[in-house]
Protein backbone atom coordinates (compact mmCIF):
# COMPACT_ATOMS: atom_id res chain seq x y z
CA MET A 1 -56.38 29.44 -17.03
CA GLN A 2 -56.18 28.53 -20.64
CA GLN A 3 -56.14 32.11 -21.64
CA LYS A 4 -53.52 33.04 -19.22
CA GLY A 5 -51.26 30.36 -20.49
CA GLY A 6 -51.69 31.43 -23.95
CA ARG A 7 -50.71 35.04 -22.97
CA GLU A 8 -47.58 33.60 -21.14
CA LYS A 9 -46.59 31.76 -24.38
CA LEU A 10 -47.04 34.82 -26.44
CA ARG A 11 -44.87 36.77 -23.96
CA GLN A 12 -41.99 34.37 -24.14
CA GLU A 13 -42.05 34.25 -27.90
CA LYS A 14 -41.88 38.15 -28.05
CA GLU A 15 -39.07 38.16 -25.63
CA PHE A 16 -37.17 35.48 -27.32
CA VAL A 17 -36.26 37.91 -30.25
CA GLU A 18 -36.19 41.08 -28.09
CA GLU A 19 -33.23 39.48 -26.38
CA ILE A 20 -31.07 40.15 -29.44
CA THR A 21 -30.04 43.82 -30.05
CA PRO A 22 -30.65 44.91 -33.69
CA LYS A 23 -27.58 45.39 -35.71
CA SER A 24 -28.64 48.95 -36.49
CA VAL A 25 -28.66 49.76 -32.76
CA ASP A 26 -25.41 48.25 -31.61
CA TYR A 27 -23.67 45.74 -34.08
CA SER A 28 -21.17 44.67 -31.49
CA GLN A 29 -23.78 43.79 -28.99
CA TRP A 30 -25.99 42.14 -31.60
CA TYR A 31 -22.91 39.78 -32.29
CA ILE A 32 -22.50 39.03 -28.54
CA ASP A 33 -26.43 38.62 -28.19
CA VAL A 34 -26.60 35.98 -30.93
CA ILE A 35 -23.54 34.11 -29.71
CA LEU A 36 -24.87 33.92 -26.30
CA LYS A 37 -28.63 33.45 -27.11
CA ALA A 38 -27.53 30.57 -29.51
CA GLU A 39 -25.54 28.93 -26.66
CA MET A 40 -22.30 29.03 -28.98
CA MET A 41 -19.83 29.90 -26.02
CA ASP A 42 -19.49 31.04 -22.44
CA TYR A 43 -16.87 33.34 -20.88
CA ALA A 44 -14.09 31.63 -18.96
CA PRO A 45 -12.73 32.73 -15.42
CA VAL A 46 -9.26 33.82 -17.27
CA ARG A 47 -9.81 36.98 -19.29
CA GLY A 48 -9.84 36.37 -23.16
CA PHE A 49 -10.61 32.41 -22.71
CA MET A 50 -13.82 30.78 -23.43
CA ALA A 51 -15.69 27.57 -23.31
CA ILE A 52 -16.94 26.53 -26.89
CA ARG A 53 -20.41 25.14 -26.35
CA PRO A 54 -21.82 22.14 -28.43
CA ALA A 55 -23.78 24.53 -30.69
CA GLY A 56 -20.55 26.48 -31.46
CA TYR A 57 -18.36 23.46 -31.41
CA VAL A 58 -20.40 21.53 -34.05
CA LEU A 59 -19.58 24.39 -36.50
CA TRP A 60 -15.98 23.93 -35.85
CA GLU A 61 -16.20 20.27 -36.49
CA LYS A 62 -17.80 21.00 -39.92
CA ILE A 63 -14.88 23.35 -40.68
CA GLN A 64 -12.43 20.70 -39.53
CA GLU A 65 -14.26 17.99 -41.84
CA LEU A 66 -14.43 20.07 -44.85
CA LEU A 67 -10.98 21.69 -44.73
CA ASP A 68 -9.29 18.43 -43.52
CA ARG A 69 -10.63 16.66 -46.62
CA ARG A 70 -9.14 19.31 -48.98
CA PHE A 71 -5.74 19.14 -47.09
CA LYS A 72 -5.57 15.27 -47.65
CA GLU A 73 -6.69 15.63 -51.16
CA THR A 74 -3.58 17.90 -51.68
CA GLY A 75 -1.39 15.38 -50.18
CA HIS A 76 -1.07 16.54 -46.64
CA GLN A 77 -1.06 14.30 -43.70
CA ASN A 78 -2.09 15.26 -39.98
CA ALA A 79 0.57 15.25 -37.15
CA TYR A 80 0.75 16.65 -33.67
CA PHE A 81 3.59 18.73 -31.92
CA PRO A 82 4.28 19.81 -28.26
CA LEU A 83 2.24 22.68 -26.66
CA LEU A 84 5.33 23.81 -24.81
CA ILE A 85 8.30 25.30 -26.41
CA PRO A 86 11.73 25.74 -24.85
CA GLN A 87 12.60 29.51 -24.75
CA SER A 88 15.92 28.83 -26.47
CA LEU A 89 14.25 27.48 -29.49
CA LEU A 90 11.79 30.50 -29.88
CA GLN A 91 14.64 32.85 -29.57
CA LYS A 92 16.57 31.19 -32.25
CA GLU A 93 14.87 33.40 -34.96
CA ALA A 94 15.04 37.02 -33.89
CA GLU A 95 12.26 38.63 -36.09
CA HIS A 96 10.00 35.67 -35.36
CA VAL A 97 10.35 35.94 -31.36
CA GLU A 98 9.99 39.89 -31.73
CA GLY A 99 6.93 39.67 -33.67
CA PHE A 100 5.15 37.39 -31.09
CA ALA A 101 6.94 38.69 -27.98
CA PRO A 102 4.09 40.99 -26.69
CA GLU A 103 1.50 37.91 -26.84
CA VAL A 104 3.78 35.11 -25.37
CA ALA A 105 2.50 33.27 -22.26
CA TRP A 106 5.38 31.63 -20.23
CA VAL A 107 5.59 28.73 -18.00
CA THR A 108 8.29 29.09 -15.26
CA LYS A 109 7.44 26.51 -12.69
CA GLY A 110 6.52 22.79 -13.14
CA GLY A 111 5.42 20.62 -10.21
CA GLY A 112 6.31 23.44 -7.75
CA GLU A 113 9.80 23.73 -8.92
CA VAL A 114 11.28 26.56 -10.90
CA LEU A 115 12.14 25.36 -14.34
CA THR A 116 15.71 25.76 -15.31
CA GLU A 117 14.54 27.12 -18.76
CA PRO A 118 11.44 28.89 -19.22
CA LEU A 119 8.74 27.31 -21.59
CA VAL A 120 6.49 29.15 -24.04
CA VAL A 121 2.85 28.14 -24.54
CA ARG A 122 2.93 27.80 -28.41
CA PRO A 123 1.63 31.22 -29.97
CA THR A 124 2.39 29.18 -33.33
CA SER A 125 4.76 26.34 -33.96
CA GLU A 126 7.42 27.28 -36.37
CA ALA A 127 10.04 26.88 -33.81
CA ILE A 128 9.32 23.53 -32.44
CA ILE A 129 8.39 21.99 -35.80
CA CYS A 130 11.56 23.26 -37.28
CA ASP A 131 13.71 21.56 -34.46
CA PHE A 132 12.06 18.20 -35.32
CA TYR A 133 12.46 18.81 -39.12
CA SER A 134 16.24 19.49 -38.68
CA ARG A 135 16.37 15.87 -37.53
CA TRP A 136 13.97 14.22 -40.00
CA VAL A 137 15.21 15.79 -43.28
CA GLN A 138 18.53 14.34 -44.48
CA SER A 139 18.15 13.59 -48.27
CA TRP A 140 16.06 15.00 -51.23
CA ARG A 141 14.21 11.68 -50.94
CA ASP A 142 12.81 12.95 -47.63
CA LEU A 143 11.01 15.76 -49.38
CA PRO A 144 8.41 17.16 -49.69
CA ILE A 145 7.15 17.07 -46.11
CA LEU A 146 3.56 18.11 -46.09
CA LEU A 147 2.09 18.04 -42.46
CA ASN A 148 -0.85 19.82 -40.83
CA GLN A 149 -1.92 19.93 -37.11
CA TRP A 150 -5.15 20.60 -35.51
CA CYS A 151 -4.56 22.21 -32.11
CA SER A 152 -4.95 25.28 -29.93
CA VAL A 153 -2.53 28.27 -29.48
CA VAL A 154 -2.35 30.85 -26.88
CA ARG A 155 -1.64 34.64 -27.76
CA TRP A 156 -2.12 36.99 -24.82
CA GLU A 157 -4.30 39.50 -26.53
CA LYS A 158 -5.26 42.86 -24.87
CA ALA A 159 -8.78 43.25 -26.55
CA THR A 160 -10.66 40.11 -27.17
CA ARG A 161 -13.97 39.23 -28.64
CA PRO A 162 -15.38 35.69 -28.76
CA PHE A 163 -14.44 33.60 -31.90
CA LEU A 164 -12.64 36.66 -33.57
CA ARG A 165 -9.85 37.39 -31.28
CA THR A 166 -9.47 35.31 -28.10
CA SER A 167 -6.31 34.76 -25.98
CA GLU A 168 -6.59 30.75 -26.81
CA PHE A 169 -8.08 29.74 -30.01
CA LEU A 170 -8.42 26.66 -32.02
CA TRP A 171 -6.86 26.50 -35.47
CA GLN A 172 -4.98 24.29 -38.00
CA GLU A 173 -1.44 25.20 -39.04
CA GLY A 174 0.31 23.52 -42.01
CA HIS A 175 3.95 23.21 -42.21
CA THR A 176 5.78 21.93 -45.22
CA CYS A 177 9.36 21.56 -46.66
CA HIS A 178 10.22 21.57 -50.25
CA ARG A 179 13.43 21.11 -52.42
CA THR A 180 13.14 24.19 -54.38
CA GLU A 181 11.83 27.79 -54.16
CA LYS A 182 9.37 27.31 -56.96
CA GLU A 183 7.75 24.21 -55.20
CA ALA A 184 7.41 26.29 -51.81
CA GLU A 185 5.78 29.12 -53.83
CA GLU A 186 3.42 26.75 -55.46
CA GLU A 187 2.45 25.24 -52.36
CA THR A 188 1.80 28.53 -50.75
CA LEU A 189 -0.46 29.78 -53.32
CA ARG A 190 -2.26 26.24 -53.74
CA MET A 191 -3.14 26.43 -50.02
CA LEU A 192 -4.50 30.18 -50.43
CA GLU A 193 -6.67 28.84 -52.98
CA VAL A 194 -7.88 25.99 -50.79
CA TYR A 195 -9.09 28.59 -48.24
CA ARG A 196 -10.64 30.85 -50.73
CA GLU A 197 -12.56 28.02 -52.41
CA PHE A 198 -13.61 26.60 -49.05
CA LEU A 199 -14.97 30.04 -47.92
CA GLU A 200 -17.04 30.52 -50.96
CA SER A 201 -18.34 26.89 -51.88
CA GLU A 202 -18.99 25.85 -48.27
CA MET A 203 -19.44 28.88 -46.18
CA ALA A 204 -21.09 31.14 -48.86
CA ILE A 205 -18.48 33.89 -47.92
CA PRO A 206 -16.77 35.53 -51.06
CA ALA A 207 -13.29 36.20 -50.29
CA ILE A 208 -10.50 38.38 -51.82
CA ALA A 209 -7.12 36.71 -52.20
CA GLY A 210 -3.90 38.96 -52.21
CA GLN A 211 -0.51 39.42 -50.71
CA LYS A 212 0.27 41.30 -47.55
CA THR A 213 2.59 44.07 -47.28
CA GLU A 214 5.93 43.95 -45.78
CA ARG A 215 4.62 45.61 -42.63
CA GLU A 216 1.86 43.23 -42.34
CA LYS A 217 3.58 39.94 -43.23
CA PHE A 218 4.22 37.17 -40.83
CA ALA A 219 7.32 37.46 -38.72
CA GLY A 220 10.01 35.67 -40.41
CA ALA A 221 8.13 34.97 -43.64
CA GLN A 222 9.47 35.79 -46.93
CA HIS A 223 6.02 36.52 -48.48
CA THR A 224 2.48 36.30 -46.60
CA TYR A 225 -0.67 35.75 -48.53
CA CYS A 226 -4.28 36.10 -47.28
CA VAL A 227 -7.85 35.81 -48.03
CA GLU A 228 -9.94 38.79 -46.93
CA ALA A 229 -13.77 38.80 -46.26
CA LEU A 230 -16.21 41.71 -45.67
CA MET A 231 -18.44 41.47 -42.60
CA SER A 232 -21.78 42.93 -42.75
CA ASP A 233 -20.84 46.13 -40.91
CA GLY A 234 -18.38 47.00 -43.58
CA ARG A 235 -15.20 45.77 -41.59
CA ALA A 236 -12.69 43.05 -43.29
CA LEU A 237 -11.87 39.99 -41.60
CA GLN A 238 -8.66 37.99 -42.31
CA ALA A 239 -10.22 34.65 -42.94
CA GLY A 240 -6.93 32.68 -43.54
CA THR A 241 -3.18 33.21 -44.35
CA SER A 242 -0.41 31.24 -46.25
CA HIS A 243 3.14 32.16 -45.59
CA ASN A 244 6.28 31.31 -48.05
CA LEU A 245 8.93 31.17 -45.19
CA GLY A 246 11.93 30.94 -47.67
CA GLN A 247 14.81 29.51 -46.20
CA HIS A 248 14.89 31.83 -43.08
CA PHE A 249 13.75 29.20 -40.59
CA ALA A 250 15.84 26.43 -42.42
CA ARG A 251 19.05 28.53 -41.96
CA VAL A 252 18.17 29.25 -38.29
CA PHE A 253 17.34 25.68 -37.50
CA ASP A 254 19.82 23.90 -39.69
CA ILE A 255 17.35 22.06 -41.81
CA THR A 256 19.38 20.86 -44.67
CA PHE A 257 19.28 17.88 -47.13
CA LEU A 258 21.83 16.18 -49.64
CA ASP A 259 20.36 17.04 -52.97
CA GLN A 260 20.55 14.78 -56.13
CA ASP A 261 23.71 16.73 -57.14
CA ASP A 262 25.28 15.79 -53.83
CA GLN A 263 25.31 19.28 -52.63
CA LEU A 264 24.04 20.09 -49.09
CA LYS A 265 21.13 22.66 -49.40
CA TYR A 266 18.50 24.26 -47.11
CA VAL A 267 14.97 23.28 -47.58
CA TRP A 268 12.30 25.86 -48.67
CA GLN A 269 9.41 26.09 -46.15
CA THR A 270 5.75 27.27 -46.02
CA SER A 271 3.15 27.59 -43.25
CA TRP A 272 -0.54 28.33 -43.45
CA GLY A 273 -3.55 28.35 -41.12
CA ALA A 274 -7.23 29.20 -40.44
CA SER A 275 -8.83 29.37 -36.96
CA THR A 276 -12.25 29.53 -35.11
CA ARG A 277 -12.63 33.15 -36.21
CA LEU A 278 -14.15 31.52 -39.26
CA ILE A 279 -17.09 30.89 -36.89
CA GLY A 280 -17.32 34.69 -36.34
CA ALA A 281 -17.05 35.23 -39.96
CA LEU A 282 -20.13 32.96 -40.63
CA ILE A 283 -22.03 34.95 -37.88
CA MET A 284 -21.28 38.38 -39.14
CA VAL A 285 -21.51 37.61 -43.03
CA HIS A 286 -25.08 36.02 -42.80
CA GLY A 287 -26.73 36.69 -39.38
CA ASP A 288 -29.64 38.99 -39.07
CA ASP A 289 -31.78 40.41 -36.26
CA ARG A 290 -33.28 37.22 -35.57
CA GLY A 291 -29.89 35.36 -34.90
CA LEU A 292 -27.88 32.99 -37.06
CA VAL A 293 -28.36 32.10 -40.61
CA LEU A 294 -26.43 29.25 -41.59
CA PRO A 295 -25.59 28.16 -45.19
CA PRO A 296 -26.97 24.64 -45.79
CA ARG A 297 -23.51 23.02 -46.25
CA MET A 298 -22.38 24.48 -42.77
CA ALA A 299 -25.62 23.75 -40.83
CA PRO A 300 -25.59 20.92 -38.42
CA ASN A 301 -29.61 20.49 -39.01
CA GLN A 302 -30.39 21.33 -42.62
CA VAL A 303 -34.12 20.96 -41.83
CA VAL A 304 -36.00 21.18 -38.67
CA ILE A 305 -39.67 19.77 -38.61
CA VAL A 306 -42.05 21.29 -36.31
CA PRO A 307 -45.40 19.36 -35.74
CA ILE A 308 -48.51 21.28 -34.54
CA LEU A 309 -49.97 19.07 -32.00
CA THR A 310 -53.61 18.93 -30.73
CA LYS A 311 -55.22 16.61 -28.36
CA LYS A 312 -57.47 15.12 -30.97
CA ASP A 313 -54.93 14.65 -33.84
CA ARG A 314 -51.57 14.32 -31.80
CA GLN A 315 -50.93 10.81 -32.62
CA ARG A 316 -51.88 11.26 -36.21
CA VAL A 317 -49.42 14.19 -36.68
CA LEU A 318 -46.60 12.54 -34.66
CA ASP A 319 -46.77 9.47 -36.79
CA SER A 320 -46.67 11.70 -40.00
CA VAL A 321 -43.68 13.65 -39.19
CA THR A 322 -41.70 10.58 -37.95
CA ASP A 323 -42.34 8.93 -41.38
CA LEU A 324 -41.15 12.25 -42.93
CA LYS A 325 -38.18 12.57 -40.83
CA THR A 326 -37.02 8.89 -41.84
CA GLU A 327 -37.78 9.73 -45.49
CA LEU A 328 -35.64 12.76 -45.49
CA GLU A 329 -32.57 11.36 -43.47
CA GLY A 330 -31.01 9.72 -46.32
CA ASN A 331 -30.36 12.86 -48.35
CA VAL A 332 -30.36 15.87 -45.41
CA ARG A 333 -29.49 16.41 -42.01
CA VAL A 334 -32.87 16.55 -40.41
CA LYS A 335 -34.24 17.34 -36.70
CA LEU A 336 -37.69 16.61 -35.47
CA ASP A 337 -38.63 18.88 -32.66
CA ASP A 338 -41.52 16.99 -31.02
CA ARG A 339 -41.05 18.64 -27.56
CA GLU A 340 -44.59 19.18 -26.27
CA GLU A 341 -43.39 21.63 -23.33
CA TYR A 342 -43.01 24.37 -25.96
CA SER A 343 -45.46 25.98 -28.24
CA PRO A 344 -44.94 25.71 -32.02
CA GLY A 345 -44.27 29.53 -31.97
CA TRP A 346 -41.56 29.40 -29.48
CA LYS A 347 -39.94 26.58 -31.53
CA TYR A 348 -40.10 28.68 -34.64
CA ASN A 349 -38.20 31.41 -32.92
CA GLU A 350 -35.70 29.00 -31.49
CA TRP A 351 -34.87 27.34 -34.75
CA GLU A 352 -34.75 30.61 -36.65
CA MET A 353 -32.27 32.05 -34.17
CA ARG A 354 -30.10 28.77 -34.63
CA GLY A 355 -30.07 29.37 -38.25
CA VAL A 356 -31.49 26.10 -39.56
CA PRO A 357 -32.06 26.73 -43.42
CA ILE A 358 -35.42 25.17 -43.59
CA ARG A 359 -38.37 24.67 -41.37
CA ILE A 360 -41.06 22.40 -42.15
CA GLU A 361 -44.57 22.69 -40.26
CA VAL A 362 -47.22 20.05 -40.19
CA GLY A 363 -50.46 20.27 -38.38
CA PRO A 364 -53.82 18.47 -38.66
CA ARG A 365 -55.11 20.69 -41.63
CA ASP A 366 -51.92 20.00 -43.49
CA LEU A 367 -52.43 16.39 -43.31
CA ASP A 368 -55.86 16.81 -44.49
CA LYS A 369 -54.74 18.63 -47.57
CA GLU A 370 -51.60 16.17 -47.92
CA GLN A 371 -49.22 19.07 -47.77
CA VAL A 372 -46.66 20.90 -45.60
CA VAL A 373 -45.66 24.41 -44.86
CA LEU A 374 -42.16 25.12 -45.66
CA VAL A 375 -40.16 28.13 -44.52
CA ARG A 376 -36.81 29.47 -45.72
CA ARG A 377 -34.46 30.87 -42.98
CA ASP A 378 -32.56 33.25 -45.26
CA THR A 379 -35.66 34.98 -47.08
CA GLY A 380 -38.45 34.12 -44.57
CA GLU A 381 -40.47 32.90 -47.65
CA LYS A 382 -43.34 30.36 -46.64
CA GLU A 383 -44.71 28.09 -49.17
CA PHE A 384 -47.33 25.16 -49.23
CA VAL A 385 -45.59 22.08 -50.69
CA PRO A 386 -47.64 18.86 -51.46
CA ARG A 387 -46.37 15.95 -49.25
CA ARG A 388 -45.55 13.71 -52.09
CA GLU A 389 -43.03 16.38 -53.67
CA LEU A 390 -41.22 17.11 -50.60
CA VAL A 391 -38.39 14.44 -50.65
CA ASP A 392 -37.23 15.51 -53.99
CA LYS A 393 -37.85 19.27 -53.34
CA ILE A 394 -35.73 19.72 -50.16
CA PRO A 395 -32.25 18.91 -51.60
CA GLN A 396 -32.88 21.15 -54.54
CA LEU A 397 -34.01 24.08 -52.36
CA LEU A 398 -31.03 23.66 -49.86
CA GLU A 399 -28.71 24.08 -53.06
CA GLN A 400 -30.66 27.14 -54.06
CA ILE A 401 -30.28 28.68 -50.61
CA GLN A 402 -26.61 28.00 -50.55
CA ARG A 403 -26.41 29.79 -53.92
CA ASP A 404 -28.59 32.49 -53.02
CA MET A 405 -26.85 33.24 -49.64
CA LEU A 406 -23.28 33.50 -51.60
CA GLN A 407 -24.93 35.68 -54.22
CA LYS A 408 -26.19 38.13 -51.36
CA ALA A 409 -22.84 38.19 -49.75
CA LEU A 410 -21.17 38.76 -52.95
CA ASP A 411 -23.69 41.48 -53.81
CA PHE A 412 -23.15 43.16 -50.38
CA ARG A 413 -19.16 43.08 -50.99
CA GLU A 414 -19.67 44.62 -54.57
CA ALA A 415 -21.85 47.40 -53.23
CA ASN A 416 -19.42 48.11 -50.81
CA THR A 417 -16.15 48.07 -52.58
CA ARG A 418 -15.21 51.37 -54.07
CA GLU A 419 -12.33 52.68 -56.13
CA GLY A 420 -10.52 55.87 -56.31
CA SER A 421 -7.42 57.97 -55.56
CA ASP A 422 -8.70 60.76 -53.61
CA TYR A 423 -7.42 60.68 -50.13
CA GLU A 424 -10.06 62.96 -48.57
CA GLU A 425 -12.93 60.98 -50.21
CA PHE A 426 -11.18 57.75 -48.92
CA LYS A 427 -11.09 59.15 -45.38
CA LYS A 428 -14.88 60.23 -45.39
CA ILE A 429 -15.89 56.74 -46.81
CA MET A 430 -13.84 54.94 -44.15
CA GLU A 431 -15.65 56.96 -41.56
CA GLU A 432 -18.93 56.96 -42.70
CA LYS A 433 -19.61 53.74 -44.95
CA ARG A 434 -16.47 51.55 -44.58
CA GLY A 435 -16.19 48.72 -46.91
CA PHE A 436 -13.24 47.90 -49.26
CA PHE A 437 -11.64 50.88 -50.91
CA VAL A 438 -9.32 49.82 -53.91
CA ALA A 439 -6.49 52.43 -54.42
CA PRO A 440 -3.10 52.82 -56.00
CA TRP A 441 -0.24 52.85 -53.44
CA CYS A 442 3.60 53.77 -53.73
CA GLY A 443 4.67 50.96 -51.59
CA ASP A 444 6.21 53.21 -49.01
CA ALA A 445 5.40 52.01 -45.51
CA ARG A 446 5.20 55.77 -44.26
CA CYS A 447 2.03 56.13 -46.28
CA GLU A 448 0.70 52.89 -44.99
CA GLU A 449 1.35 54.11 -41.42
CA LYS A 450 -0.11 57.38 -42.19
CA VAL A 451 -3.49 55.85 -43.33
CA LYS A 452 -3.65 53.75 -40.22
CA GLU A 453 -3.16 56.59 -37.90
CA GLU A 454 -5.56 58.95 -39.57
CA THR A 455 -8.31 56.55 -40.42
CA LYS A 456 -7.62 53.20 -38.48
CA ALA A 457 -7.83 51.49 -41.90
CA THR A 458 -5.01 49.05 -43.09
CA ILE A 459 -3.91 47.57 -46.31
CA ARG A 460 -5.73 44.24 -46.21
CA CYS A 461 -3.80 43.06 -49.23
CA ILE A 462 -1.99 43.73 -52.44
CA ALA A 463 -4.24 42.95 -55.16
CA PHE A 464 -3.54 40.06 -57.49
CA ASN A 465 -3.67 40.66 -61.35
CA LYS A 466 -4.17 44.49 -60.81
CA LYS A 467 -1.42 46.89 -61.44
CA PRO A 468 -1.41 50.72 -61.64
CA GLN A 469 -1.42 52.57 -64.84
CA LYS A 470 1.43 54.29 -66.06
CA ASP A 471 1.86 57.68 -64.27
CA GLN A 472 -0.93 56.63 -61.84
CA ALA A 473 -0.17 58.31 -58.42
CA CYS A 474 -0.36 56.88 -54.88
CA MET A 475 -3.40 57.92 -53.09
CA VAL A 476 -1.77 59.17 -50.09
CA CYS A 477 1.55 60.82 -51.40
CA ASP A 478 1.03 61.38 -55.10
CA LYS A 479 4.24 59.64 -56.06
CA GLN A 480 4.33 57.12 -58.61
CA ALA A 481 2.04 53.91 -57.64
CA ASN A 482 3.72 50.52 -57.69
CA GLU A 483 0.77 48.56 -56.51
CA ILE A 484 -3.22 48.42 -56.35
CA VAL A 485 -4.23 47.58 -52.66
CA TYR A 486 -7.58 46.78 -50.67
CA PHE A 487 -7.93 49.23 -47.87
CA ALA A 488 -10.34 48.57 -45.01
CA ARG A 489 -11.08 48.82 -41.32
CA ALA A 490 -10.83 45.36 -39.87
CA TYR A 491 -11.29 42.98 -37.00
């Protein structure tokens, strides 16, 4: 019977990993398998909607915590605005409503009665917030207004994928008002840098910051800026956007103030946002065929302790790991997995799949040798560490893992970023290798559209601090290039 039980445990441990499709076989299925196996979400009865389970929501809470601190450090306050927007408000700005019309969800009845005016479930909040700002702003003394809200929005997407593109998603949206165009532009770029720095320092995701083309900018914006990250399948992901709205919305919604020179003026506005698609980015940048690989700063549990229990030494091992957990708790987020209904091997597989950065194994032999077995999730490296050195070593190792994961992602991006001006070479790379392709562009939307139609790649952003050389030609049409841009296929 004992032999049969051992074989059953081995079978379960093998199947645990086999349930995740390898990246090289089917990347899309790998992504879904990891999400479902890690219990991060579940599909809702309405297409495009999902329930975010605790294992997924805890990552969103960490994103909220780390971004919210940065927002407050830059002078912003949190507020909340209504979910439902009157149709008349949304339609005030024609370009804005046209940009969102295909994705709008309507409410036409309430309490069984047909509404006198249809309501929109917010796809974004510029319209409703501007209506409030038109009443709140009177004088230059009321400026700047620096607000952010954490909420959900609904965009009726045709093609959906968990976290990356869903009909309802969680996000934050900042909305600010300023006296001058200069202040608004500074705000727009400051918040773009907040996103870029957050992605790199906390999520270990290197991101390229740049400006969107006129064709790709936010509906109603003067300028749109973005941060773009490269996923491990070579596709790009827009990880955050920051918009200089100029005075477009201010003029439409009559947001004016009496300035110090006694002149009535329109405010200058910005908006900026990041969403739960960052969770998708975290999975795709760092995950492997065994599941999630979480950067230590994002991991709910940075360390998991797995005791190896035997009948003879059960209590001795449990006492030791309990003491170890207590010692580590002051410096790191630690979990003790003392469940006895699962084998140590099953636990190893589970915590690897959940992406815990460090696993500590402790058994009777380790106690005898006054050591522990320490395993890194990102590399799989295993080492024996003297018990007395562990408390000092763990925080240092977590920081090393954080740095190593960022460097690995950066190395991948650099290896998959190519430069050139040969259109045929570009098409071949987009089909066979993907990644970023940095190329000169004339600025004509017709060239931009041609690339999308022929290769499914788009201009992800116009590069900052890069300009074409004199007489450098557009990759597509051979006319004089005006910009250097990043092309990629994207999510």
